[in-house]
Amino acid sequence: MRRPNIGAAGADFAFAALAFASGWAGVPLLYAALVFLGAAAIWAWTRRTALRDMTRTRLITNAALALALLAGVLGGAYWIGLAAGGHL
């Protein structure tokens, strides 16, 4: 049975909170993109053993889907932060 990766979940939450705070503060979208790049790097690092064991096709498919979802979640958190901070 697989154990949950609490470190990965904590890192994902921290980057979502950072994206929200970036929106709240009204930072330019370029800096929010840096939050995404950091989140993508941490995503790959915390899941490196599982990613290493995948076939190339499965790796590309899973990575593309995960990065698209990550971008959507972080973009939504940034947008909600913009709305909450009164910058829209």
N, C-alpha and C. Protein backbone atom coordinates (compact mmCIF):
# COMPACT_ATOMS: atom_id res chain seq x y z
N MET A 1 0.84 -1.18 0.00
CA MET A 1 0.00 0.00 0.00
C MET A 1 0.89 1.25 0.00
N ARG A 2 0.50 2.23 -0.79
CA ARG A 2 1.27 3.47 -0.87
C ARG A 2 0.96 4.36 0.32
N ARG A 3 1.99 5.00 0.82
CA ARG A 3 1.81 5.97 1.90
C ARG A 3 1.66 7.36 1.31
N PRO A 4 0.84 8.22 1.93
CA PRO A 4 0.72 9.58 1.41
C PRO A 4 2.03 10.35 1.61
N ASN A 5 2.35 11.19 0.65
CA ASN A 5 3.55 12.00 0.71
C ASN A 5 3.18 13.36 1.30
N ILE A 6 3.32 13.48 2.61
CA ILE A 6 2.92 14.69 3.31
C ILE A 6 3.80 15.87 2.90
N GLY A 7 5.08 15.62 2.66
CA GLY A 7 5.98 16.69 2.23
C GLY A 7 5.56 17.29 0.91
N ALA A 8 5.18 16.44 -0.04
CA ALA A 8 4.73 16.92 -1.35
C ALA A 8 3.43 17.71 -1.21
N ALA A 9 2.52 17.21 -0.40
CA ALA A 9 1.25 17.91 -0.20
C ALA A 9 1.49 19.27 0.47
N GLY A 10 2.39 19.31 1.44
CA GLY A 10 2.71 20.58 2.11
C GLY A 10 3.34 21.57 1.15
N ALA A 11 4.23 21.09 0.29
CA ALA A 11 4.87 21.98 -0.69
C ALA A 11 3.83 22.51 -1.69
N ASP A 12 2.93 21.65 -2.14
CA ASP A 12 1.88 22.08 -3.06
C ASP A 12 1.00 23.15 -2.41
N PHE A 13 0.63 22.94 -1.15
CA PHE A 13 -0.18 23.93 -0.45
C PHE A 13 0.58 25.23 -0.26
N ALA A 14 1.86 25.14 0.06
CA ALA A 14 2.67 26.35 0.27
C ALA A 14 2.74 27.18 -1.02
N PHE A 15 2.90 26.53 -2.17
CA PHE A 15 2.95 27.28 -3.42
C PHE A 15 1.59 27.86 -3.79
N ALA A 16 0.51 27.17 -3.46
CA ALA A 16 -0.83 27.74 -3.69
C ALA A 16 -1.03 28.97 -2.80
N ALA A 17 -0.58 28.89 -1.57
CA ALA A 17 -0.68 30.04 -0.67
C ALA A 17 0.19 31.19 -1.16
N LEU A 18 1.36 30.87 -1.69
CA LEU A 18 2.24 31.90 -2.22
C LEU A 18 1.64 32.57 -3.46
N ALA A 19 0.98 31.79 -4.31
CA ALA A 19 0.30 32.36 -5.48
C ALA A 19 -0.84 33.27 -5.03
N PHE A 20 -1.59 32.85 -4.02
CA PHE A 20 -2.67 33.69 -3.48
C PHE A 20 -2.11 34.99 -2.92
N ALA A 21 -1.03 34.88 -2.15
CA ALA A 21 -0.41 36.07 -1.56
C ALA A 21 0.14 37.00 -2.64
N SER A 22 0.66 36.42 -3.72
CA SER A 22 1.16 37.24 -4.83
C SER A 22 0.02 38.03 -5.46
N GLY A 23 -1.11 37.38 -5.65
CA GLY A 23 -2.27 38.07 -6.18
C GLY A 23 -2.78 39.13 -5.22
N TRP A 24 -2.83 38.80 -3.95
CA TRP A 24 -3.30 39.74 -2.92
C TRP A 24 -2.44 41.00 -2.92
N ALA A 25 -1.13 40.81 -3.07
CA ALA A 25 -0.21 41.95 -3.07
C ALA A 25 -0.20 42.68 -4.40
N GLY A 26 -0.79 42.08 -5.43
CA GLY A 26 -0.85 42.72 -6.73
C GLY A 26 0.46 42.70 -7.48
N VAL A 27 1.28 41.69 -7.24
CA VAL A 27 2.57 41.62 -7.95
C VAL A 27 2.32 41.32 -9.42
N PRO A 28 3.23 41.75 -10.28
CA PRO A 28 3.05 41.49 -11.72
C PRO A 28 3.00 39.99 -12.02
N LEU A 29 2.37 39.68 -13.13
CA LEU A 29 2.18 38.29 -13.52
C LEU A 29 3.52 37.57 -13.74
N LEU A 30 4.56 38.30 -14.09
CA LEU A 30 5.88 37.69 -14.27
C LEU A 30 6.36 37.02 -12.98
N TYR A 31 6.14 37.67 -11.85
CA TYR A 31 6.54 37.08 -10.57
C TYR A 31 5.67 35.88 -10.21
N ALA A 32 4.41 35.94 -10.58
CA ALA A 32 3.54 34.79 -10.37
C ALA A 32 4.00 33.61 -11.22
N ALA A 33 4.54 33.89 -12.40
CA ALA A 33 5.08 32.82 -13.24
C ALA A 33 6.29 32.18 -12.56
N LEU A 34 7.06 32.95 -11.83
CA LEU A 34 8.19 32.40 -11.08
C LEU A 34 7.70 31.46 -9.98
N VAL A 35 6.56 31.78 -9.39
CA VAL A 35 5.96 30.88 -8.40
C VAL A 35 5.62 29.55 -9.07
N PHE A 36 5.08 29.61 -10.27
CA PHE A 36 4.76 28.37 -11.01
C PHE A 36 6.01 27.57 -11.31
N LEU A 37 7.07 28.24 -11.75
CA LEU A 37 8.32 27.52 -12.05
C LEU A 37 8.88 26.85 -10.81
N GLY A 38 8.83 27.53 -9.69
CA GLY A 38 9.28 26.92 -8.44
C GLY A 38 8.41 25.73 -8.04
N ALA A 39 7.11 25.88 -8.20
CA ALA A 39 6.19 24.79 -7.88
C ALA A 39 6.42 23.59 -8.79
N ALA A 40 6.69 23.85 -10.07
CA ALA A 40 6.94 22.76 -11.01
C ALA A 40 8.24 22.03 -10.64
N ALA A 41 9.25 22.78 -10.24
CA ALA A 41 10.51 22.15 -9.84
C ALA A 41 10.33 21.31 -8.59
N ILE A 42 9.61 21.82 -7.61
CA ILE A 42 9.36 21.06 -6.38
C ILE A 42 8.48 19.85 -6.68
N TRP A 43 7.52 20.01 -7.58
CA TRP A 43 6.67 18.88 -7.97
C TRP A 43 7.54 17.74 -8.52
N ALA A 44 8.45 18.09 -9.42
CA ALA A 44 9.31 17.06 -10.01
C ALA A 44 10.25 16.45 -8.97
N TRP A 45 10.75 17.27 -8.06
CA TRP A 45 11.69 16.77 -7.06
C TRP A 45 11.01 15.83 -6.06
N THR A 46 9.83 16.21 -5.57
CA THR A 46 9.16 15.40 -4.55
C THR A 46 8.59 14.11 -5.12
N ARG A 47 8.44 14.04 -6.41
CA ARG A 47 7.88 12.84 -7.04
C ARG A 47 8.90 12.12 -7.92
N ARG A 48 10.16 12.41 -7.72
CA ARG A 48 11.21 11.89 -8.60
C ARG A 48 11.28 10.37 -8.64
N THR A 49 11.06 9.69 -7.52
CA THR A 49 11.15 8.23 -7.55
C THR A 49 10.01 7.62 -8.36
N ALA A 50 8.82 8.15 -8.21
CA ALA A 50 7.68 7.64 -9.00
C ALA A 50 7.86 7.98 -10.47
N LEU A 51 8.34 9.18 -10.76
CA LEU A 51 8.54 9.58 -12.15
C LEU A 51 9.64 8.75 -12.82
N ARG A 52 10.66 8.42 -12.07
CA ARG A 52 11.78 7.64 -12.62
C ARG A 52 11.34 6.23 -13.03
N ASP A 53 10.35 5.68 -12.33
CA ASP A 53 9.90 4.31 -12.61
C ASP A 53 8.89 4.22 -13.76
N MET A 54 8.43 5.36 -14.28
CA MET A 54 7.42 5.35 -15.35
C MET A 54 8.07 5.16 -16.71
N THR A 55 7.29 4.59 -17.62
CA THR A 55 7.73 4.54 -19.01
C THR A 55 7.70 5.95 -19.58
N ARG A 56 8.42 6.17 -20.66
CA ARG A 56 8.52 7.52 -21.24
C ARG A 56 7.15 8.08 -21.63
N THR A 57 6.33 7.27 -22.27
CA THR A 57 5.00 7.74 -22.69
C THR A 57 4.14 8.11 -21.49
N ARG A 58 4.15 7.26 -20.49
CA ARG A 58 3.36 7.54 -19.29
C ARG A 58 3.90 8.76 -18.55
N LEU A 59 5.20 8.91 -18.51
CA LEU A 59 5.82 10.06 -17.87
C LEU A 59 5.40 11.36 -18.54
N ILE A 60 5.46 11.40 -19.86
CA ILE A 60 5.10 12.61 -20.59
C ILE A 60 3.62 12.94 -20.39
N THR A 61 2.78 11.92 -20.45
CA THR A 61 1.34 12.14 -20.26
C THR A 61 1.03 12.64 -18.85
N ASN A 62 1.57 11.97 -17.85
CA ASN A 62 1.30 12.36 -16.46
C ASN A 62 1.89 13.73 -16.13
N ALA A 63 3.09 14.00 -16.62
CA ALA A 63 3.73 15.29 -16.34
C ALA A 63 2.95 16.43 -17.00
N ALA A 64 2.52 16.24 -18.23
CA ALA A 64 1.75 17.28 -18.92
C ALA A 64 0.43 17.56 -18.20
N LEU A 65 -0.26 16.51 -17.80
CA LEU A 65 -1.51 16.68 -17.08
C LEU A 65 -1.29 17.35 -15.72
N ALA A 66 -0.28 16.90 -15.00
CA ALA A 66 0.01 17.47 -13.68
C ALA A 66 0.40 18.94 -13.78
N LEU A 67 1.23 19.29 -14.76
CA LEU A 67 1.66 20.68 -14.89
C LEU A 67 0.50 21.58 -15.34
N ALA A 68 -0.39 21.05 -16.16
CA ALA A 68 -1.57 21.83 -16.56
C ALA A 68 -2.48 22.08 -15.36
N LEU A 69 -2.67 21.04 -14.54
CA LEU A 69 -3.50 21.22 -13.34
C LEU A 69 -2.82 22.16 -12.34
N LEU A 70 -1.52 22.04 -12.21
CA LEU A 70 -0.77 22.92 -11.32
C LEU A 70 -0.90 24.38 -11.77
N ALA A 71 -0.78 24.61 -13.07
CA ALA A 71 -0.94 25.97 -13.60
C ALA A 71 -2.36 26.48 -13.35
N GLY A 72 -3.35 25.63 -13.52
CA GLY A 72 -4.73 26.04 -13.27
C GLY A 72 -4.99 26.39 -11.82
N VAL A 73 -4.49 25.57 -10.92
CA VAL A 73 -4.69 25.82 -9.48
C VAL A 73 -3.96 27.09 -9.05
N LEU A 74 -2.69 27.22 -9.47
CA LEU A 74 -1.93 28.40 -9.08
C LEU A 74 -2.48 29.66 -9.73
N GLY A 75 -2.93 29.56 -10.98
CA GLY A 75 -3.56 30.70 -11.64
C GLY A 75 -4.84 31.10 -10.96
N GLY A 76 -5.63 30.11 -10.56
CA GLY A 76 -6.86 30.42 -9.82
C GLY A 76 -6.58 31.05 -8.47
N ALA A 77 -5.58 30.55 -7.77
CA ALA A 77 -5.21 31.15 -6.48
C ALA A 77 -4.73 32.57 -6.66
N TYR A 78 -3.95 32.82 -7.71
CA TYR A 78 -3.45 34.18 -7.99
C TYR A 78 -4.64 35.11 -8.29
N TRP A 79 -5.57 34.64 -9.12
CA TRP A 79 -6.72 35.46 -9.48
C TRP A 79 -7.61 35.75 -8.27
N ILE A 80 -7.83 34.74 -7.44
CA ILE A 80 -8.63 34.96 -6.22
C ILE A 80 -7.91 35.96 -5.31
N GLY A 81 -6.58 35.86 -5.22
CA GLY A 81 -5.82 36.83 -4.45
C GLY A 81 -5.95 38.23 -5.01
N LEU A 82 -5.94 38.35 -6.35
CA LEU A 82 -6.15 39.68 -6.95
C LEU A 82 -7.52 40.24 -6.58
N ALA A 83 -8.53 39.38 -6.67
CA ALA A 83 -9.88 39.84 -6.34
C ALA A 83 -10.01 40.20 -4.86
N ALA A 84 -9.41 39.40 -4.01
CA ALA A 84 -9.50 39.65 -2.56
C ALA A 84 -8.70 40.89 -2.16
N GLY A 85 -7.64 41.16 -2.86
CA GLY A 85 -6.81 42.32 -2.53
C GLY A 85 -7.31 43.61 -3.16
N GLY A 86 -8.35 43.54 -3.96
CA GLY A 86 -8.93 44.73 -4.56
C GLY A 86 -8.15 45.26 -5.75
N HIS A 87 -7.37 44.41 -6.42
CA HIS A 87 -6.56 44.85 -7.53
C HIS A 87 -7.18 44.59 -8.89
N LEU A 88 -8.38 44.00 -8.93
CA LEU A 88 -9.03 43.74 -10.22
C LEU A 88 -9.74 44.98 -10.72
